[in-house]
ModelCIF file with pLDDT and N, C-alpha, C, O atoms, coordinates in Angstrom:
data_MODEL
#
_entry.id   MODEL 
#
_entity.id                         1 
_entity.type                       polymer 
_entity.pdbx_number_of_molecules   1 
#
_entity_poly.entity_id                      1 
_entity_poly.type                           'polypeptide(L)' 
_entity_poly.nstd_linkage                   no 
_entity_poly.nstd_monomer                   no 
_entity_poly.pdbx_seq_one_letter_code       AIIFSRSTMCWYRQAPGKQRELVATITSGGTANYEDSVKGRFTISRDN 
_entity_poly.pdbx_seq_one_letter_code_can   AIIFSRSTMCWYRQAPGKQRELVATITSGGTANYEDSVKGRFTISRDN 
_entity_poly.pdbx_strand_id                 A 
#
loop_
_entity_poly_seq.entity_id 
_entity_poly_seq.num 
_entity_poly_seq.mon_id 
_entity_poly_seq.hetero 
1 1  ALA n 
1 2  ILE n 
1 3  ILE n 
1 4  PHE n 
1 5  SER n 
1 6  ARG n 
1 7  SER n 
1 8  THR n 
1 9  MET n 
1 10 CYS n 
1 11 TRP n 
1 12 TYR n 
1 13 ARG n 
1 14 GLN n 
1 15 ALA n 
1 16 PRO n 
1 17 GLY n 
1 18 LYS n 
1 19 GLN n 
1 20 ARG n 
1 21 GLU n 
1 22 LEU n 
1 23 VAL n 
1 24 ALA n 
1 25 THR n 
1 26 ILE n 
1 27 THR n 
1 28 SER n 
1 29 GLY n 
1 30 GLY n 
1 31 THR n 
1 32 ALA n 
1 33 ASN n 
1 34 TYR n 
1 35 GLU n 
1 36 ASP n 
1 37 SER n 
1 38 VAL n 
1 39 LYS n 
1 40 GLY n 
1 41 ARG n 
1 42 PHE n 
1 43 THR n 
1 44 ILE n 
1 45 SER n 
1 46 ARG n 
1 47 ASP n 
1 48 ASN n 
#
_struct_asym.id          A 
_struct_asym.entity_id   1 
#
loop_
_ma_qa_metric.id 
_ma_qa_metric.mode 
_ma_qa_metric.name 
_ma_qa_metric.software_group_id 
_ma_qa_metric.type 
1 global pLDDT . pLDDT 
2 local  pLDDT . pLDDT 
#
_ma_qa_metric_global.metric_id      1 
_ma_qa_metric_global.metric_value   96.50 
_ma_qa_metric_global.model_id       1 
_ma_qa_metric_global.ordinal_id     1 
#
loop_
_ma_qa_metric_local.label_asym_id 
_ma_qa_metric_local.label_comp_id 
_ma_qa_metric_local.label_seq_id 
_ma_qa_metric_local.metric_id 
_ma_qa_metric_local.metric_value 
_ma_qa_metric_local.model_id 
_ma_qa_metric_local.ordinal_id 
A ALA 1  2 93.00 1 1  
A ILE 2  2 91.00 1 2  
A ILE 3  2 92.00 1 3  
A PHE 4  2 94.00 1 4  
A SER 5  2 91.00 1 5  
A ARG 6  2 92.00 1 6  
A SER 7  2 96.00 1 7  
A THR 8  2 97.00 1 8  
A MET 9  2 98.00 1 9  
A CYS 10 2 98.00 1 10 
A TRP 11 2 98.00 1 11 
A TYR 12 2 98.00 1 12 
A ARG 13 2 98.00 1 13 
A GLN 14 2 98.00 1 14 
A ALA 15 2 97.00 1 15 
A PRO 16 2 92.00 1 16 
A GLY 17 2 94.00 1 17 
A LYS 18 2 95.00 1 18 
A GLN 19 2 96.00 1 19 
A ARG 20 2 97.00 1 20 
A GLU 21 2 98.00 1 21 
A LEU 22 2 98.00 1 22 
A VAL 23 2 98.00 1 23 
A ALA 24 2 98.00 1 24 
A THR 25 2 98.00 1 25 
A ILE 26 2 98.00 1 26 
A THR 27 2 97.00 1 27 
A SER 28 2 95.00 1 28 
A GLY 29 2 94.00 1 29 
A GLY 30 2 96.00 1 30 
A THR 31 2 98.00 1 31 
A ALA 32 2 98.00 1 32 
A ASN 33 2 98.00 1 33 
A TYR 34 2 98.00 1 34 
A GLU 35 2 98.00 1 35 
A ASP 36 2 98.00 1 36 
A SER 37 2 97.00 1 37 
A VAL 38 2 98.00 1 38 
A LYS 39 2 98.00 1 39 
A GLY 40 2 98.00 1 40 
A ARG 41 2 98.00 1 41 
A PHE 42 2 98.00 1 42 
A THR 43 2 98.00 1 43 
A ILE 44 2 98.00 1 44 
A SER 45 2 98.00 1 45 
A ARG 46 2 97.00 1 46 
A ASP 47 2 97.00 1 47 
A ASN 48 2 94.00 1 48 
#
loop_
_atom_site.group_PDB 
_atom_site.id 
_atom_site.type_symbol 
_atom_site.label_atom_id 
_atom_site.label_alt_id 
_atom_site.label_comp_id 
_atom_site.label_asym_id 
_atom_site.label_entity_id 
_atom_site.label_seq_id 
_atom_site.pdbx_PDB_ins_code 
_atom_site.Cartn_x 
_atom_site.Cartn_y 
_atom_site.Cartn_z 
_atom_site.occupancy 
_atom_site.B_iso_or_equiv 
_atom_site.pdbx_formal_charge 
_atom_site.auth_seq_id 
_atom_site.auth_comp_id 
_atom_site.auth_asym_id 
_atom_site.auth_atom_id 
_atom_site.pdbx_PDB_model_num 
ATOM 1   N N  . ALA A 1 1  ? -14.438 0.573  1.595   1.00 93.00 ? 1  ALA A N  1 
ATOM 2   C CA . ALA A 1 1  ? -14.474 1.283  2.867   1.00 93.00 ? 1  ALA A CA 1 
ATOM 3   C C  . ALA A 1 1  ? -14.215 0.360  4.048   1.00 93.00 ? 1  ALA A C  1 
ATOM 4   O O  . ALA A 1 1  ? -13.611 0.777  5.035   1.00 93.00 ? 1  ALA A O  1 
ATOM 5   N N  . ILE A 1 2  ? -14.656 -0.866 3.962   1.00 91.00 ? 2  ILE A N  1 
ATOM 6   C CA . ILE A 1 2  ? -14.529 -1.756 5.105   1.00 91.00 ? 2  ILE A CA 1 
ATOM 7   C C  . ILE A 1 2  ? -13.087 -2.163 5.365   1.00 91.00 ? 2  ILE A C  1 
ATOM 8   O O  . ILE A 1 2  ? -12.750 -2.536 6.488   1.00 91.00 ? 2  ILE A O  1 
ATOM 9   N N  . ILE A 1 3  ? -12.241 -2.100 4.367   1.00 92.00 ? 3  ILE A N  1 
ATOM 10  C CA . ILE A 1 3  ? -10.835 -2.386 4.594   1.00 92.00 ? 3  ILE A CA 1 
ATOM 11  C C  . ILE A 1 3  ? -10.007 -1.111 4.698   1.00 92.00 ? 3  ILE A C  1 
ATOM 12  O O  . ILE A 1 3  ? -8.905  -1.135 5.248   1.00 92.00 ? 3  ILE A O  1 
ATOM 13  N N  . PHE A 1 4  ? -10.517 -0.006 4.181   1.00 94.00 ? 4  PHE A N  1 
ATOM 14  C CA . PHE A 1 4  ? -9.782  1.249  4.244   1.00 94.00 ? 4  PHE A CA 1 
ATOM 15  C C  . PHE A 1 4  ? -9.876  1.881  5.628   1.00 94.00 ? 4  PHE A C  1 
ATOM 16  O O  . PHE A 1 4  ? -8.881  2.352  6.178   1.00 94.00 ? 4  PHE A O  1 
ATOM 17  N N  . SER A 1 5  ? -11.067 1.883  6.172   1.00 91.00 ? 5  SER A N  1 
ATOM 18  C CA . SER A 1 5  ? -11.284 2.534  7.459   1.00 91.00 ? 5  SER A CA 1 
ATOM 19  C C  . SER A 1 5  ? -10.414 1.889  8.529   1.00 91.00 ? 5  SER A C  1 
ATOM 20  O O  . SER A 1 5  ? -10.363 0.665  8.656   1.00 91.00 ? 5  SER A O  1 
ATOM 21  N N  . ARG A 1 6  ? -9.738  2.724  9.287   1.00 92.00 ? 6  ARG A N  1 
ATOM 22  C CA . ARG A 1 6  ? -8.917  2.311  10.414  1.00 92.00 ? 6  ARG A CA 1 
ATOM 23  C C  . ARG A 1 6  ? -7.720  1.460  10.008  1.00 92.00 ? 6  ARG A C  1 
ATOM 24  O O  . ARG A 1 6  ? -7.075  0.852  10.863  1.00 92.00 ? 6  ARG A O  1 
ATOM 25  N N  . SER A 1 7  ? -7.423  1.412  8.735   1.00 96.00 ? 7  SER A N  1 
ATOM 26  C CA . SER A 1 7  ? -6.344  0.568  8.251   1.00 96.00 ? 7  SER A CA 1 
ATOM 27  C C  . SER A 1 7  ? -5.146  1.395  7.830   1.00 96.00 ? 7  SER A C  1 
ATOM 28  O O  . SER A 1 7  ? -5.279  2.454  7.217   1.00 96.00 ? 7  SER A O  1 
ATOM 29  N N  . THR A 1 8  ? -3.979  0.887  8.170   1.00 97.00 ? 8  THR A N  1 
ATOM 30  C CA . THR A 1 8  ? -2.760  1.419  7.585   1.00 97.00 ? 8  THR A CA 1 
ATOM 31  C C  . THR A 1 8  ? -2.688  0.999  6.117   1.00 97.00 ? 8  THR A C  1 
ATOM 32  O O  . THR A 1 8  ? -2.916  -0.161 5.775   1.00 97.00 ? 8  THR A O  1 
ATOM 33  N N  . MET A 1 9  ? -2.372  1.952  5.277   1.00 98.00 ? 9  MET A N  1 
ATOM 34  C CA . MET A 1 9  ? -2.241  1.691  3.857   1.00 98.00 ? 9  MET A CA 1 
ATOM 35  C C  . MET A 1 9  ? -0.773  1.778  3.475   1.00 98.00 ? 9  MET A C  1 
ATOM 36  O O  . MET A 1 9  ? -0.018  2.582  4.022   1.00 98.00 ? 9  MET A O  1 
ATOM 37  N N  . CYS A 1 10 ? -0.386  0.943  2.533   1.00 98.00 ? 10 CYS A N  1 
ATOM 38  C CA . CYS A 1 10 ? 1.016   0.805  2.178   1.00 98.00 ? 10 CYS A CA 1 
ATOM 39  C C  . CYS A 1 10 ? 1.187   0.797  0.673   1.00 98.00 ? 10 CYS A C  1 
ATOM 40  O O  . CYS A 1 10 ? 0.318   0.334  -0.066  1.00 98.00 ? 10 CYS A O  1 
ATOM 41  N N  . TRP A 1 11 ? 2.313   1.315  0.235   1.00 98.00 ? 11 TRP A N  1 
ATOM 42  C CA . TRP A 1 11 ? 2.768   1.138  -1.132  1.00 98.00 ? 11 TRP A CA 1 
ATOM 43  C C  . TRP A 1 11 ? 4.050   0.325  -1.117  1.00 98.00 ? 11 TRP A C  1 
ATOM 44  O O  . TRP A 1 11 ? 5.004   0.644  -0.408  1.00 98.00 ? 11 TRP A O  1 
ATOM 45  N N  . TYR A 1 12 ? 4.049   -0.724 -1.909  1.00 98.00 ? 12 TYR A N  1 
ATOM 46  C CA . TYR A 1 12 ? 5.227   -1.538 -2.154  1.00 98.00 ? 12 TYR A CA 1 
ATOM 47  C C  . TYR A 1 12 ? 5.625   -1.396 -3.611  1.00 98.00 ? 12 TYR A C  1 
ATOM 48  O O  . TYR A 1 12 ? 4.848   -0.925 -4.442  1.00 98.00 ? 12 TYR A O  1 
ATOM 49  N N  . ARG A 1 13 ? 6.832   -1.807 -3.904  1.00 98.00 ? 13 ARG A N  1 
ATOM 50  C CA . ARG A 1 13 ? 7.243   -1.918 -5.285  1.00 98.00 ? 13 ARG A CA 1 
ATOM 51  C C  . ARG A 1 13 ? 8.110   -3.150 -5.466  1.00 98.00 ? 13 ARG A C  1 
ATOM 52  O O  . ARG A 1 13 ? 8.800   -3.592 -4.547  1.00 98.00 ? 13 ARG A O  1 
ATOM 53  N N  . GLN A 1 14 ? 8.059   -3.685 -6.655  1.00 98.00 ? 14 GLN A N  1 
ATOM 54  C CA . GLN A 1 14 ? 8.857   -4.844 -6.981  1.00 98.00 ? 14 GLN A CA 1 
ATOM 55  C C  . GLN A 1 14 ? 9.359   -4.711 -8.409  1.00 98.00 ? 14 GLN A C  1 
ATOM 56  O O  . GLN A 1 14 ? 8.581   -4.646 -9.361  1.00 98.00 ? 14 GLN A O  1 
ATOM 57  N N  . ALA A 1 15 ? 10.652  -4.673 -8.530  1.00 97.00 ? 15 ALA A N  1 
ATOM 58  C CA . ALA A 1 15 ? 11.297  -4.638 -9.835  1.00 97.00 ? 15 ALA A CA 1 
ATOM 59  C C  . ALA A 1 15 ? 11.704  -6.043 -10.230 1.00 97.00 ? 15 ALA A C  1 
ATOM 60  O O  . ALA A 1 15 ? 11.931  -6.886 -9.363  1.00 97.00 ? 15 ALA A O  1 
ATOM 61  N N  . PRO A 1 16 ? 11.801  -6.309 -11.521 1.00 92.00 ? 16 PRO A N  1 
ATOM 62  C CA . PRO A 1 16 ? 12.212  -7.642 -11.963 1.00 92.00 ? 16 PRO A CA 1 
ATOM 63  C C  . PRO A 1 16 ? 13.544  -8.048 -11.351 1.00 92.00 ? 16 PRO A C  1 
ATOM 64  O O  . PRO A 1 16 ? 14.515  -7.291 -11.382 1.00 92.00 ? 16 PRO A O  1 
ATOM 65  N N  . GLY A 1 17 ? 13.576  -9.244 -10.800 1.00 94.00 ? 17 GLY A N  1 
ATOM 66  C CA . GLY A 1 17 ? 14.791  -9.753 -10.206 1.00 94.00 ? 17 GLY A CA 1 
ATOM 67  C C  . GLY A 1 17 ? 15.137  -9.181 -8.854  1.00 94.00 ? 17 GLY A C  1 
ATOM 68  O O  . GLY A 1 17 ? 16.200  -9.481 -8.310  1.00 94.00 ? 17 GLY A O  1 
ATOM 69  N N  . LYS A 1 18 ? 14.259  -8.361 -8.297  1.00 95.00 ? 18 LYS A N  1 
ATOM 70  C CA . LYS A 1 18 ? 14.526  -7.748 -7.009  1.00 95.00 ? 18 LYS A CA 1 
ATOM 71  C C  . LYS A 1 18 ? 13.449  -8.115 -6.006  1.00 95.00 ? 18 LYS A C  1 
ATOM 72  O O  . LYS A 1 18 ? 12.332  -8.485 -6.369  1.00 95.00 ? 18 LYS A O  1 
ATOM 73  N N  . GLN A 1 19 ? 13.804  -8.005 -4.759  1.00 96.00 ? 19 GLN A N  1 
ATOM 74  C CA . GLN A 1 19 ? 12.884  -8.281 -3.676  1.00 96.00 ? 19 GLN A CA 1 
ATOM 75  C C  . GLN A 1 19 ? 11.819  -7.189 -3.585  1.00 96.00 ? 19 GLN A C  1 
ATOM 76  O O  . GLN A 1 19 ? 12.088  -6.017 -3.846  1.00 96.00 ? 19 GLN A O  1 
ATOM 77  N N  . ARG A 1 20 ? 10.623  -7.593 -3.214  1.00 97.00 ? 20 ARG A N  1 
ATOM 78  C CA . ARG A 1 20 ? 9.578   -6.618 -2.970  1.00 97.00 ? 20 ARG A CA 1 
ATOM 79  C C  . ARG A 1 20 ? 9.982   -5.684 -1.838  1.00 97.00 ? 20 ARG A C  1 
ATOM 80  O O  . ARG A 1 20 ? 10.510  -6.126 -0.818  1.00 97.00 ? 20 ARG A O  1 
ATOM 81  N N  . GLU A 1 21 ? 9.739   -4.424 -2.019  1.00 98.00 ? 21 GLU A N  1 
ATOM 82  C CA . GLU A 1 21 ? 10.225  -3.397 -1.122  1.00 98.00 ? 21 GLU A CA 1 
ATOM 83  C C  . GLU A 1 21 ? 9.073   -2.535 -0.646  1.00 98.00 ? 21 GLU A C  1 
ATOM 84  O O  . GLU A 1 21 ? 8.260   -2.070 -1.446  1.00 98.00 ? 21 GLU A O  1 
ATOM 85  N N  . LEU A 1 22 ? 9.007   -2.327 0.644   1.00 98.00 ? 22 LEU A N  1 
ATOM 86  C CA . LEU A 1 22 ? 8.036   -1.398 1.206   1.00 98.00 ? 22 LEU A CA 1 
ATOM 87  C C  . LEU A 1 22 ? 8.506   0.025  0.959   1.00 98.00 ? 22 LEU A C  1 
ATOM 88  O O  . LEU A 1 22 ? 9.601   0.406  1.373   1.00 98.00 ? 22 LEU A O  1 
ATOM 89  N N  . VAL A 1 23 ? 7.685   0.800  0.293   1.00 98.00 ? 23 VAL A N  1 
ATOM 90  C CA . VAL A 1 23 ? 8.041   2.153  -0.099  1.00 98.00 ? 23 VAL A CA 1 
ATOM 91  C C  . VAL A 1 23 ? 7.551   3.177  0.907   1.00 98.00 ? 23 VAL A C  1 
ATOM 92  O O  . VAL A 1 23 ? 8.305   4.056  1.325   1.00 98.00 ? 23 VAL A O  1 
ATOM 93  N N  . ALA A 1 24 ? 6.296   3.066  1.295   1.00 98.00 ? 24 ALA A N  1 
ATOM 94  C CA . ALA A 1 24 ? 5.697   4.062  2.167   1.00 98.00 ? 24 ALA A CA 1 
ATOM 95  C C  . ALA A 1 24 ? 4.477   3.481  2.844   1.00 98.00 ? 24 ALA A C  1 
ATOM 96  O O  . ALA A 1 24 ? 3.812   2.596  2.304   1.00 98.00 ? 24 ALA A O  1 
ATOM 97  N N  . THR A 1 25 ? 4.190   3.979  4.018   1.00 98.00 ? 25 THR A N  1 
ATOM 98  C CA . THR A 1 25 ? 2.991   3.610  4.750   1.00 98.00 ? 25 THR A CA 1 
ATOM 99  C C  . THR A 1 25 ? 2.331   4.868  5.290   1.00 98.00 ? 25 THR A C  1 
ATOM 100 O O  . THR A 1 25 ? 2.979   5.893  5.502   1.00 98.00 ? 25 THR A O  1 
ATOM 101 N N  . ILE A 1 26 ? 1.042   4.766  5.505   1.00 98.00 ? 26 ILE A N  1 
ATOM 102 C CA . ILE A 1 26 ? 0.316   5.840  6.162   1.00 98.00 ? 26 ILE A CA 1 
ATOM 103 C C  . ILE A 1 26 ? -0.748  5.212  7.054   1.00 98.00 ? 26 ILE A C  1 
ATOM 104 O O  . ILE A 1 26 ? -1.531  4.373  6.609   1.00 98.00 ? 26 ILE A O  1 
ATOM 105 N N  . THR A 1 27 ? -0.765  5.622  8.295   1.00 97.00 ? 27 THR A N  1 
ATOM 106 C CA . THR A 1 27 ? -1.725  5.097  9.238   1.00 97.00 ? 27 THR A CA 1 
ATOM 107 C C  . THR A 1 27 ? -3.088  5.733  9.015   1.00 97.00 ? 27 THR A C  1 
ATOM 108 O O  . THR A 1 27 ? -3.232  6.694  8.259   1.00 97.00 ? 27 THR A O  1 
ATOM 109 N N  . SER A 1 28 ? -4.076  5.177  9.687   1.00 95.00 ? 28 SER A N  1 
ATOM 110 C CA . SER A 1 28 ? -5.406  5.748  9.595   1.00 95.00 ? 28 SER A CA 1 
ATOM 111 C C  . SER A 1 28 ? -5.450  7.184  10.090  1.00 95.00 ? 28 SER A C  1 
ATOM 112 O O  . SER A 1 28 ? -6.299  7.965  9.662   1.00 95.00 ? 28 SER A O  1 
ATOM 113 N N  . GLY A 1 29 ? -4.542  7.532  10.989  1.00 94.00 ? 29 GLY A N  1 
ATOM 114 C CA . GLY A 1 29 ? -4.458  8.890  11.484  1.00 94.00 ? 29 GLY A CA 1 
ATOM 115 C C  . GLY A 1 29 ? -3.606  9.825  10.653  1.00 94.00 ? 29 GLY A C  1 
ATOM 116 O O  . GLY A 1 29 ? -3.504  11.011 10.966  1.00 94.00 ? 29 GLY A O  1 
ATOM 117 N N  . GLY A 1 30 ? -2.992  9.313  9.599   1.00 96.00 ? 30 GLY A N  1 
ATOM 118 C CA . GLY A 1 30 ? -2.246  10.149 8.685   1.00 96.00 ? 30 GLY A CA 1 
ATOM 119 C C  . GLY A 1 30 ? -0.749  10.209 8.915   1.00 96.00 ? 30 GLY A C  1 
ATOM 120 O O  . GLY A 1 30 ? -0.068  11.030 8.302   1.00 96.00 ? 30 GLY A O  1 
ATOM 121 N N  . THR A 1 31 ? -0.222  9.364  9.780   1.00 98.00 ? 31 THR A N  1 
ATOM 122 C CA . THR A 1 31 ? 1.212   9.334  10.003  1.00 98.00 ? 31 THR A CA 1 
ATOM 123 C C  . THR A 1 31 ? 1.893   8.549  8.898   1.00 98.00 ? 31 THR A C  1 
ATOM 124 O O  . THR A 1 31 ? 1.562   7.390  8.652   1.00 98.00 ? 31 THR A O  1 
ATOM 125 N N  . ALA A 1 32 ? 2.840   9.181  8.238   1.00 98.00 ? 32 ALA A N  1 
ATOM 126 C CA . ALA A 1 32 ? 3.506   8.592  7.088   1.00 98.00 ? 32 ALA A CA 1 
ATOM 127 C C  . ALA A 1 32 ? 4.923   8.171  7.426   1.00 98.00 ? 32 ALA A C  1 
ATOM 128 O O  . ALA A 1 32 ? 5.599   8.800  8.240   1.00 98.00 ? 32 ALA A O  1 
ATOM 129 N N  . ASN A 1 33 ? 5.354   7.107  6.793   1.00 98.00 ? 33 ASN A N  1 
ATOM 130 C CA . ASN A 1 33 ? 6.729   6.650  6.875   1.00 98.00 ? 33 ASN A CA 1 
ATOM 131 C C  . ASN A 1 33 ? 7.189   6.236  5.494   1.00 98.00 ? 33 ASN A C  1 
ATOM 132 O O  . ASN A 1 33 ? 6.390   5.805  4.663   1.00 98.00 ? 33 ASN A O  1 
ATOM 133 N N  . TYR A 1 34 ? 8.494   6.371  5.253   1.00 98.00 ? 34 TYR A N  1 
ATOM 134 C CA . TYR A 1 34 ? 9.052   6.154  3.925   1.00 98.00 ? 34 TYR A CA 1 
ATOM 135 C C  . TYR A 1 34 ? 10.329  5.342  3.983   1.00 98.00 ? 34 TYR A C  1 
ATOM 136 O O  . TYR A 1 34 ? 11.099  5.416  4.941   1.00 98.00 ? 34 TYR A O  1 
ATOM 137 N N  . GLU A 1 35 ? 10.529  4.576  2.943   1.00 98.00 ? 35 GLU A N  1 
ATOM 138 C CA . GLU A 1 35 ? 11.813  3.937  2.733   1.00 98.00 ? 35 GLU A CA 1 
ATOM 139 C C  . GLU A 1 35 ? 12.838  5.033  2.429   1.00 98.00 ? 35 GLU A C  1 
ATOM 140 O O  . GLU A 1 35 ? 12.515  6.044  1.806   1.00 98.00 ? 35 GLU A O  1 
ATOM 141 N N  . ASP A 1 36 ? 14.056  4.818  2.873   1.00 98.00 ? 36 ASP A N  1 
ATOM 142 C CA . ASP A 1 36 ? 15.054  5.880  2.799   1.00 98.00 ? 36 ASP A CA 1 
ATOM 143 C C  . ASP A 1 36 ? 15.269  6.408  1.386   1.00 98.00 ? 36 ASP A C  1 
ATOM 144 O O  . ASP A 1 36 ? 15.464  7.609  1.194   1.00 98.00 ? 36 ASP A O  1 
ATOM 145 N N  . SER A 1 37 ? 15.237  5.536  0.415   1.00 97.00 ? 37 SER A N  1 
ATOM 146 C CA . SER A 1 37 ? 15.573  5.948  -0.938  1.00 97.00 ? 37 SER A CA 1 
ATOM 147 C C  . SER A 1 37 ? 14.538  6.877  -1.566  1.00 97.00 ? 37 SER A C  1 
ATOM 148 O O  . SER A 1 37 ? 14.824  7.520  -2.576  1.00 97.00 ? 37 SER A O  1 
ATOM 149 N N  . VAL A 1 38 ? 13.351  6.957  -0.990  1.00 98.00 ? 38 VAL A N  1 
ATOM 150 C CA . VAL A 1 38 ? 12.312  7.815  -1.554  1.00 98.00 ? 38 VAL A CA 1 
ATOM 151 C C  . VAL A 1 38 ? 12.000  9.018  -0.686  1.00 98.00 ? 38 VAL A C  1 
ATOM 152 O O  . VAL A 1 38 ? 11.187  9.861  -1.066  1.00 98.00 ? 38 VAL A O  1 
ATOM 153 N N  . LYS A 1 39 ? 12.626  9.109  0.458   1.00 98.00 ? 39 LYS A N  1 
ATOM 154 C CA . LYS A 1 39 ? 12.375  10.241 1.335   1.00 98.00 ? 39 LYS A CA 1 
ATOM 155 C C  . LYS A 1 39 ? 12.707  11.549 0.635   1.00 98.00 ? 39 LYS A C  1 
ATOM 156 O O  . LYS A 1 39 ? 13.751  11.683 -0.004  1.00 98.00 ? 39 LYS A O  1 
ATOM 157 N N  . GLY A 1 40 ? 11.815  12.496 0.764   1.00 98.00 ? 40 GLY A N  1 
ATOM 158 C CA . GLY A 1 40 ? 11.993  13.778 0.113   1.00 98.00 ? 40 GLY A CA 1 
ATOM 159 C C  . GLY A 1 40 ? 11.512  13.829 -1.311  1.00 98.00 ? 40 GLY A C  1 
ATOM 160 O O  . GLY A 1 40 ? 11.402  14.911 -1.887  1.00 98.00 ? 40 GLY A O  1 
ATOM 161 N N  . ARG A 1 41 ? 11.221  12.680 -1.900  1.00 98.00 ? 41 ARG A N  1 
ATOM 162 C CA . ARG A 1 41 ? 10.751  12.620 -3.273  1.00 98.00 ? 41 ARG A CA 1 
ATOM 163 C C  . ARG A 1 41 ? 9.311   12.129 -3.388  1.00 98.00 ? 41 ARG A C  1 
ATOM 164 O O  . ARG A 1 41 ? 8.549   12.609 -4.227  1.00 98.00 ? 41 ARG A O  1 
ATOM 165 N N  . PHE A 1 42 ? 8.947   11.176 -2.548  1.00 98.00 ? 42 PHE A N  1 
ATOM 166 C CA . PHE A 1 42 ? 7.610   10.595 -2.591  1.00 98.00 ? 42 PHE A CA 1 
ATOM 167 C C  . PHE A 1 42 ? 6.802   11.082 -1.401  1.00 98.00 ? 42 PHE A C  1 
ATOM 168 O O  . PHE A 1 42 ? 7.345   11.314 -0.320  1.00 98.00 ? 42 PHE A O  1 
ATOM 169 N N  . THR A 1 43 ? 5.520   11.234 -1.605  1.00 98.00 ? 43 THR A N  1 
ATOM 170 C CA . THR A 1 43 ? 4.607   11.595 -0.539  1.00 98.00 ? 43 THR A CA 1 
ATOM 171 C C  . THR A 1 43 ? 3.393   10.682 -0.581  1.00 98.00 ? 43 THR A C  1 
ATOM 172 O O  . THR A 1 43 ? 2.705   10.596 -1.598  1.00 98.00 ? 43 THR A O  1 
ATOM 173 N N  . ILE A 1 44 ? 3.138   10.014 0.511   1.00 98.00 ? 44 ILE A N  1 
ATOM 174 C CA . ILE A 1 44 ? 1.940   9.206  0.630   1.00 98.00 ? 44 ILE A CA 1 
ATOM 175 C C  . ILE A 1 44 ? 0.878   10.025 1.353   1.00 98.00 ? 44 ILE A C  1 
ATOM 176 O O  . ILE A 1 44 ? 1.179   10.748 2.303   1.00 98.00 ? 44 ILE A O  1 
ATOM 177 N N  . SER A 1 45 ? -0.340  9.910  0.904   1.00 98.00 ? 45 SER A N  1 
ATOM 178 C CA . SER A 1 45 ? -1.444  10.619 1.523   1.00 98.00 ? 45 SER A CA 1 
ATOM 179 C C  . SER A 1 45 ? -2.705  9.777  1.385   1.00 98.00 ? 45 SER A C  1 
ATOM 180 O O  . SER A 1 45 ? -2.738  8.799  0.638   1.00 98.00 ? 45 SER A O  1 
ATOM 181 N N  . ARG A 1 46 ? -3.721  10.165 2.105   1.00 97.00 ? 46 ARG A N  1 
ATOM 182 C CA . ARG A 1 46 ? -4.978  9.437  2.011   1.00 97.00 ? 46 ARG A CA 1 
ATOM 183 C C  . ARG A 1 46 ? -6.137  10.405 2.083   1.00 97.00 ? 46 ARG A C  1 
ATOM 184 O O  . ARG A 1 46 ? -6.075  11.432 2.759   1.00 97.00 ? 46 ARG A O  1 
ATOM 185 N N  . ASP A 1 47 ? -7.185  10.060 1.380   1.00 97.00 ? 47 ASP A N  1 
ATOM 186 C CA . ASP A 1 47 ? -8.425  10.801 1.392   1.00 97.00 ? 47 ASP A CA 1 
ATOM 187 C C  . ASP A 1 47 ? -9.469  9.847  1.955   1.00 97.00 ? 47 ASP A C  1 
ATOM 188 O O  . ASP A 1 47 ? -9.968  8.968  1.252   1.00 97.00 ? 47 ASP A O  1 
ATOM 189 N N  . ASN A 1 48 ? -9.787  10.029 3.208   1.00 94.00 ? 48 ASN A N  1 
ATOM 190 C CA . ASN A 1 48 ? -10.688 9.093  3.862   1.00 94.00 ? 48 ASN A CA 1 
ATOM 191 C C  . ASN A 1 48 ? -12.107 9.168  3.304   1.00 94.00 ? 48 ASN A C  1 
ATOM 192 O O  . ASN A 1 48 ? -12.987 8.436  3.756   1.00 94.00 ? 48 ASN A O  1 
#
């Protein structure tokens, strides 16, 4: 809870031989952003 509260949460992914990639973020207020390749397919959410 001490790191979750008021924190933006992120999902990254890293495939072998590839650079780590930011996939999605969600702010403490619930605003989500996505990497272009996953838009429309992935949904980030949070349960505070």
